[in-house]
Amino acid sequence: MNLNRARELIGVQLQFRSGYNRNSVRMILAEVQKMHGQGAVDQLIRELGLENRFDLKPGTDFSSLR
């Protein structure tokens, strides 16, 4: 998955305004981590405000979700 597609999919999850969408975002971040590494995940977390919204912190390893 490329980073632009990840941003798009996470944006859709953010529009739902529900805490239940946190799991979907975590799965997307796991795919990003697999293909682009931890730096790309941390960038998306900061860029999209995922720490405030879903309590997802930069540096979190999402590889166990694969």
PDB file of N, CA and C in Angstrom:
ATOM      1  N   MET A   1       0.858  -1.171   0.000  1.00  0.00           N
ATOM      2  CA  MET A   1       0.000   0.000   0.000  1.00  0.00           C
ATOM      3  C   MET A   1       0.903   1.232   0.000  1.00  0.00           C
ATOM      4  N   ASN A   2       0.608   2.161  -0.888  1.00  0.00           N
ATOM      5  CA  ASN A   2       1.419   3.371  -0.885  1.00  0.00           C
ATOM      6  C   ASN A   2       0.904   4.350   0.181  1.00  0.00           C
ATOM      7  N   LEU A   3       1.725   5.327   0.496  1.00  0.00           N
ATOM      8  CA  LEU A   3       1.393   6.240   1.599  1.00  0.00           C
ATOM      9  C   LEU A   3       0.176   7.108   1.306  1.00  0.00           C
ATOM     10  N   ASN A   4      -0.008   7.489   0.051  1.00  0.00           N
ATOM     11  CA  ASN A   4      -1.187   8.296  -0.280  1.00  0.00           C
ATOM     12  C   ASN A   4      -2.477   7.505  -0.073  1.00  0.00           C
ATOM     13  N   ARG A   5      -2.447   6.239  -0.443  1.00  0.00           N
ATOM     14  CA  ARG A   5      -3.634   5.385  -0.230  1.00  0.00           C
ATOM     15  C   ARG A   5      -3.891   5.196   1.265  1.00  0.00           C
ATOM     16  N   ALA A   6      -2.827   5.030   2.037  1.00  0.00           N
ATOM     17  CA  ALA A   6      -2.967   4.896   3.491  1.00  0.00           C
ATOM     18  C   ALA A   6      -3.599   6.154   4.082  1.00  0.00           C
ATOM     19  N   ARG A   7      -3.145   7.323   3.648  1.00  0.00           N
ATOM     20  CA  ARG A   7      -3.742   8.587   4.127  1.00  0.00           C
ATOM     21  C   ARG A   7      -5.229   8.637   3.802  1.00  0.00           C
ATOM     22  N   GLU A   8      -5.559   8.221   2.578  1.00  0.00           N
ATOM     23  CA  GLU A   8      -6.958   8.232   2.139  1.00  0.00           C
ATOM     24  C   GLU A   8      -7.816   7.304   3.009  1.00  0.00           C
ATOM     25  N   LEU A   9      -7.342   6.093   3.226  1.00  0.00           N
ATOM     26  CA  LEU A   9      -8.103   5.127   4.026  1.00  0.00           C
ATOM     27  C   LEU A   9      -8.232   5.565   5.483  1.00  0.00           C
ATOM     28  N   ILE A  10      -7.168   6.105   6.035  1.00  0.00           N
ATOM     29  CA  ILE A  10      -7.231   6.600   7.417  1.00  0.00           C
ATOM     30  C   ILE A  10      -8.171   7.794   7.496  1.00  0.00           C
ATOM     31  N   GLY A  11      -8.150   8.646   6.468  1.00  0.00           N
ATOM     32  CA  GLY A  11      -9.069   9.786   6.428  1.00  0.00           C
ATOM     33  C   GLY A  11     -10.519   9.357   6.482  1.00  0.00           C
ATOM     34  N   VAL A  12     -10.850   8.280   5.790  1.00  0.00           N
ATOM     35  CA  VAL A  12     -12.209   7.746   5.824  1.00  0.00           C
ATOM     36  C   VAL A  12     -12.560   7.302   7.242  1.00  0.00           C
ATOM     37  N   GLN A  13     -11.633   6.617   7.900  1.00  0.00           N
ATOM     38  CA  GLN A  13     -11.876   6.153   9.272  1.00  0.00           C
ATOM     39  C   GLN A  13     -12.061   7.330  10.227  1.00  0.00           C
ATOM     40  N   LEU A  14     -11.324   8.402  10.001  1.00  0.00           N
ATOM     41  CA  LEU A  14     -11.451   9.586  10.862  1.00  0.00           C
ATOM     42  C   LEU A  14     -12.807  10.264  10.695  1.00  0.00           C
ATOM     43  N   GLN A  15     -13.395  10.165   9.516  1.00  0.00           N
ATOM     44  CA  GLN A  15     -14.692  10.784   9.267  1.00  0.00           C
ATOM     45  C   GLN A  15     -15.814  10.131  10.064  1.00  0.00           C
ATOM     46  N   PHE A  16     -15.657   8.865  10.416  1.00  0.00           N
ATOM     47  CA  PHE A  16     -16.712   8.166  11.139  1.00  0.00           C
ATOM     48  C   PHE A  16     -16.842   8.631  12.586  1.00  0.00           C
ATOM     49  N   ARG A  17     -15.798   9.237  13.123  1.00  0.00           N
ATOM     50  CA  ARG A  17     -15.813   9.809  14.471  1.00  0.00           C
ATOM     51  C   ARG A  17     -16.211   8.797  15.548  1.00  0.00           C
ATOM     52  N   SER A  18     -15.643   7.620  15.451  1.00  0.00           N
ATOM     53  CA  SER A  18     -15.940   6.594  16.435  1.00  0.00           C
ATOM     54  C   SER A  18     -14.640   5.960  16.910  1.00  0.00           C
ATOM     55  N   GLY A  19     -14.579   5.608  18.173  1.00  0.00           N
ATOM     56  CA  GLY A  19     -13.415   4.930  18.705  1.00  0.00           C
ATOM     57  C   GLY A  19     -13.237   3.539  18.131  1.00  0.00           C
ATOM     58  N   TYR A  20     -14.309   2.980  17.570  1.00  0.00           N
ATOM     59  CA  TYR A  20     -14.238   1.640  16.991  1.00  0.00           C
ATOM     60  C   TYR A  20     -13.370   1.603  15.737  1.00  0.00           C
ATOM     61  N   ASN A  21     -13.169   2.732  15.113  1.00  0.00           N
ATOM     62  CA  ASN A  21     -12.366   2.791  13.902  1.00  0.00           C
ATOM     63  C   ASN A  21     -10.876   2.741  14.202  1.00  0.00           C
ATOM     64  N   ARG A  22     -10.519   2.771  15.462  1.00  0.00           N
ATOM     65  CA  ARG A  22      -9.117   2.685  15.871  1.00  0.00           C
ATOM     66  C   ARG A  22      -8.485   1.385  15.378  1.00  0.00           C
ATOM     67  N   ASN A  23      -9.210   0.305  15.459  1.00  0.00           N
ATOM     68  CA  ASN A  23      -8.684  -0.988  15.023  1.00  0.00           C
ATOM     69  C   ASN A  23      -8.385  -0.992  13.530  1.00  0.00           C
ATOM     70  N   SER A  24      -9.243  -0.404  12.739  1.00  0.00           N
ATOM     71  CA  SER A  24      -9.008  -0.317  11.298  1.00  0.00           C
ATOM     72  C   SER A  24      -7.757   0.486  11.002  1.00  0.00           C
ATOM     73  N   VAL A  25      -7.592   1.589  11.712  1.00  0.00           N
ATOM     74  CA  VAL A  25      -6.412   2.429  11.521  1.00  0.00           C
ATOM     75  C   VAL A  25      -5.154   1.654  11.907  1.00  0.00           C
ATOM     76  N   ARG A  26      -5.217   0.886  12.976  1.00  0.00           N
ATOM     77  CA  ARG A  26      -4.059   0.084  13.388  1.00  0.00           C
ATOM     78  C   ARG A  26      -3.690  -0.928  12.305  1.00  0.00           C
ATOM     79  N   MET A  27      -4.667  -1.535  11.655  1.00  0.00           N
ATOM     80  CA  MET A  27      -4.395  -2.493  10.583  1.00  0.00           C
ATOM     81  C   MET A  27      -3.754  -1.799   9.375  1.00  0.00           C
ATOM     82  N   ILE A  28      -4.223  -0.615   9.060  1.00  0.00           N
ATOM     83  CA  ILE A  28      -3.627   0.152   7.962  1.00  0.00           C
ATOM     84  C   ILE A  28      -2.176   0.485   8.292  1.00  0.00           C
ATOM     85  N   LEU A  29      -1.935   0.915   9.525  1.00  0.00           N
ATOM     86  CA  LEU A  29      -0.569   1.246   9.938  1.00  0.00           C
ATOM     87  C   LEU A  29       0.333   0.014   9.917  1.00  0.00           C
ATOM     88  N   ALA A  30      -0.200  -1.150  10.204  1.00  0.00           N
ATOM     89  CA  ALA A  30       0.580  -2.383  10.130  1.00  0.00           C
ATOM     90  C   ALA A  30       1.050  -2.640   8.700  1.00  0.00           C
ATOM     91  N   GLU A  31       0.173  -2.405   7.735  1.00  0.00           N
ATOM     92  CA  GLU A  31       0.543  -2.572   6.328  1.00  0.00           C
ATOM     93  C   GLU A  31       1.602  -1.547   5.924  1.00  0.00           C
ATOM     94  N   VAL A  32       1.433  -0.321   6.371  1.00  0.00           N
ATOM     95  CA  VAL A  32       2.415   0.720   6.065  1.00  0.00           C
ATOM     96  C   VAL A  32       3.773   0.345   6.666  1.00  0.00           C
ATOM     97  N   GLN A  33       3.765  -0.136   7.889  1.00  0.00           N
ATOM     98  CA  GLN A  33       5.006  -0.520   8.546  1.00  0.00           C
ATOM     99  C   GLN A  33       5.707  -1.639   7.773  1.00  0.00           C
ATOM    100  N   LYS A  34       4.940  -2.598   7.301  1.00  0.00           N
ATOM    101  CA  LYS A  34       5.502  -3.726   6.562  1.00  0.00           C
ATOM    102  C   LYS A  34       6.188  -3.257   5.276  1.00  0.00           C
ATOM    103  N   MET A  35       5.585  -2.302   4.602  1.00  0.00           N
ATOM    104  CA  MET A  35       6.101  -1.880   3.297  1.00  0.00           C
ATOM    105  C   MET A  35       7.072  -0.704   3.362  1.00  0.00           C
ATOM    106  N   HIS A  36       6.869   0.193   4.328  1.00  0.00           N
ATOM    107  CA  HIS A  36       7.633   1.445   4.325  1.00  0.00           C
ATOM    108  C   HIS A  36       8.444   1.680   5.594  1.00  0.00           C
ATOM    109  N   GLY A  37       8.230   0.889   6.633  1.00  0.00           N
ATOM    110  CA  GLY A  37       9.007   1.019   7.855  1.00  0.00           C
ATOM    111  C   GLY A  37       8.366   1.899   8.915  1.00  0.00           C
ATOM    112  N   GLN A  38       9.013   1.905  10.074  1.00  0.00           N
ATOM    113  CA  GLN A  38       8.489   2.613  11.246  1.00  0.00           C
ATOM    114  C   GLN A  38       8.442   4.126  11.036  1.00  0.00           C
ATOM    115  N   GLY A  39       9.404   4.675  10.306  1.00  0.00           N
ATOM    116  CA  GLY A  39       9.424   6.117  10.065  1.00  0.00           C
ATOM    117  C   GLY A  39       8.170   6.604   9.357  1.00  0.00           C
ATOM    118  N   ALA A  40       7.699   5.840   8.389  1.00  0.00           N
ATOM    119  CA  ALA A  40       6.482   6.215   7.659  1.00  0.00           C
ATOM    120  C   ALA A  40       5.261   6.138   8.572  1.00  0.00           C
ATOM    121  N   VAL A  41       5.229   5.135   9.445  1.00  0.00           N
ATOM    122  CA  VAL A  41       4.122   5.010  10.403  1.00  0.00           C
ATOM    123  C   VAL A  41       4.108   6.206  11.343  1.00  0.00           C
ATOM    124  N   ASP A  42       5.265   6.537  11.885  1.00  0.00           N
ATOM    125  CA  ASP A  42       5.349   7.665  12.813  1.00  0.00           C
ATOM    126  C   ASP A  42       4.940   8.969  12.137  1.00  0.00           C
ATOM    127  N   GLN A  43       5.332   9.128  10.872  1.00  0.00           N
ATOM    128  CA  GLN A  43       4.959  10.323  10.119  1.00  0.00           C
ATOM    129  C   GLN A  43       3.441  10.429   9.974  1.00  0.00           C
ATOM    130  N   LEU A  44       2.793   9.320   9.636  1.00  0.00           N
ATOM    131  CA  LEU A  44       1.331   9.336   9.487  1.00  0.00           C
ATOM    132  C   LEU A  44       0.638   9.624  10.820  1.00  0.00           C
ATOM    133  N   ILE A  45       1.149   9.045  11.895  1.00  0.00           N
ATOM    134  CA  ILE A  45       0.556   9.281  13.213  1.00  0.00           C
ATOM    135  C   ILE A  45       0.599  10.767  13.546  1.00  0.00           C
ATOM    136  N   ARG A  46       1.739  11.390  13.306  1.00  0.00           N
ATOM    137  CA  ARG A  46       1.874  12.826  13.608  1.00  0.00           C
ATOM    138  C   ARG A  46       1.052  13.681  12.648  1.00  0.00           C
ATOM    139  N   GLU A  47       1.180  13.386  11.358  1.00  0.00           N
ATOM    140  CA  GLU A  47       0.534  14.173  10.316  1.00  0.00           C
ATOM    141  C   GLU A  47      -0.989  14.169  10.441  1.00  0.00           C
ATOM    142  N   LEU A  48      -1.556  13.028  10.794  1.00  0.00           N
ATOM    143  CA  LEU A  48      -3.011  12.897  10.830  1.00  0.00           C
ATOM    144  C   LEU A  48      -3.603  13.036  12.237  1.00  0.00           C
ATOM    145  N   GLY A  49      -2.758  13.341  13.214  1.00  0.00           N
ATOM    146  CA  GLY A  49      -3.245  13.552  14.577  1.00  0.00           C
ATOM    147  C   GLY A  49      -3.792  12.299  15.226  1.00  0.00           C
ATOM    148  N   LEU A  50      -3.209  11.162  14.923  1.00  0.00           N
ATOM    149  CA  LEU A  50      -3.739   9.897  15.432  1.00  0.00           C
ATOM    150  C   LEU A  50      -3.443   9.688  16.910  1.00  0.00           C
ATOM    151  N   GLU A  51      -2.463  10.402  17.419  1.00  0.00           N
ATOM    152  CA  GLU A  51      -2.185  10.284  18.856  1.00  0.00           C
ATOM    153  C   GLU A  51      -3.327  10.895  19.659  1.00  0.00           C
ATOM    154  N   ASN A  52      -3.795  12.035  19.227  1.00  0.00           N
ATOM    155  CA  ASN A  52      -4.909  12.689  19.932  1.00  0.00           C
ATOM    156  C   ASN A  52      -6.221  11.956  19.707  1.00  0.00           C
ATOM    157  N   ARG A  53      -6.427  11.469  18.520  1.00  0.00           N
ATOM    158  CA  ARG A  53      -7.708  10.878  18.151  1.00  0.00           C
ATOM    159  C   ARG A  53      -7.882   9.442  18.667  1.00  0.00           C
ATOM    160  N   PHE A  54      -6.824   8.619  18.476  1.00  0.00           N
ATOM    161  CA  PHE A  54      -6.939   7.199  18.819  1.00  0.00           C
ATOM    162  C   PHE A  54      -5.896   6.740  19.822  1.00  0.00           C
ATOM    163  N   ASP A  55      -5.144   7.669  20.382  1.00  0.00           N
ATOM    164  CA  ASP A  55      -4.086   7.350  21.348  1.00  0.00           C
ATOM    165  C   ASP A  55      -3.038   6.407  20.756  1.00  0.00           C
ATOM    166  N   LEU A  56      -2.732   6.587  19.470  1.00  0.00           N
ATOM    167  CA  LEU A  56      -1.682   5.819  18.807  1.00  0.00           C
ATOM    168  C   LEU A  56      -0.408   6.642  18.846  1.00  0.00           C
ATOM    169  N   LYS A  57       0.622   6.116  19.441  1.00  0.00           N
ATOM    170  CA  LYS A  57       1.840   6.876  19.683  1.00  0.00           C
ATOM    171  C   LYS A  57       2.931   6.529  18.680  1.00  0.00           C
ATOM    172  N   PRO A  58       3.696   7.542  18.246  1.00  0.00           N
ATOM    173  CA  PRO A  58       4.856   7.262  17.396  1.00  0.00           C
ATOM    174  C   PRO A  58       5.779   6.273  18.105  1.00  0.00           C
ATOM    175  N   GLY A  59       6.359   5.380  17.337  1.00  0.00           N
ATOM    176  CA  GLY A  59       7.249   4.372  17.894  1.00  0.00           C
ATOM    177  C   GLY A  59       6.553   3.060  18.206  1.00  0.00           C
ATOM    178  N   THR A  60       5.234   3.047  18.150  1.00  0.00           N
ATOM    179  CA  THR A  60       4.489   1.818  18.409  1.00  0.00           C
ATOM    180  C   THR A  60       4.724   0.823  17.278  1.00  0.00           C
ATOM    181  N   ASP A  61       4.977  -0.415  17.642  1.00  0.00           N
ATOM    182  CA  ASP A  61       5.197  -1.477  16.651  1.00  0.00           C
ATOM    183  C   ASP A  61       3.869  -2.159  16.340  1.00  0.00           C
ATOM    184  N   PHE A  62       3.437  -2.057  15.097  1.00  0.00           N
ATOM    185  CA  PHE A  62       2.169  -2.650  14.674  1.00  0.00           C
ATOM    186  C   PHE A  62       2.375  -3.972  13.944  1.00  0.00           C
ATOM    187  N   SER A  63       3.599  -4.485  13.929  1.00  0.00           N
ATOM    188  CA  SER A  63       3.903  -5.684  13.142  1.00  0.00           C
ATOM    189  C   SER A  63       3.176  -6.931  13.653  1.00  0.00           C
ATOM    190  N   SER A  64       2.769  -6.952  14.884  1.00  0.00           N
ATOM    191  CA  SER A  64       2.071  -8.135  15.420  1.00  0.00           C
ATOM    192  C   SER A  64       0.639  -8.236  14.885  1.00  0.00           C
ATOM    193  N   LEU A  65       0.166  -7.229  14.192  1.00  0.00           N
ATOM    194  CA  LEU A  65      -1.211  -7.235  13.674  1.00  0.00           C
ATOM    195  C   LEU A  65      -1.312  -7.900  12.314  1.00  0.00           C
ATOM    196  N   ARG A  66      -0.228  -8.294  11.728  1.00  0.00           N
ATOM    197  CA  ARG A  66      -0.250  -8.872  10.381  1.00  0.00           C
ATOM    198  C   ARG A  66      -0.845 -10.228  10.352  1.00  0.00           C
TER     199      ARG A  66
END
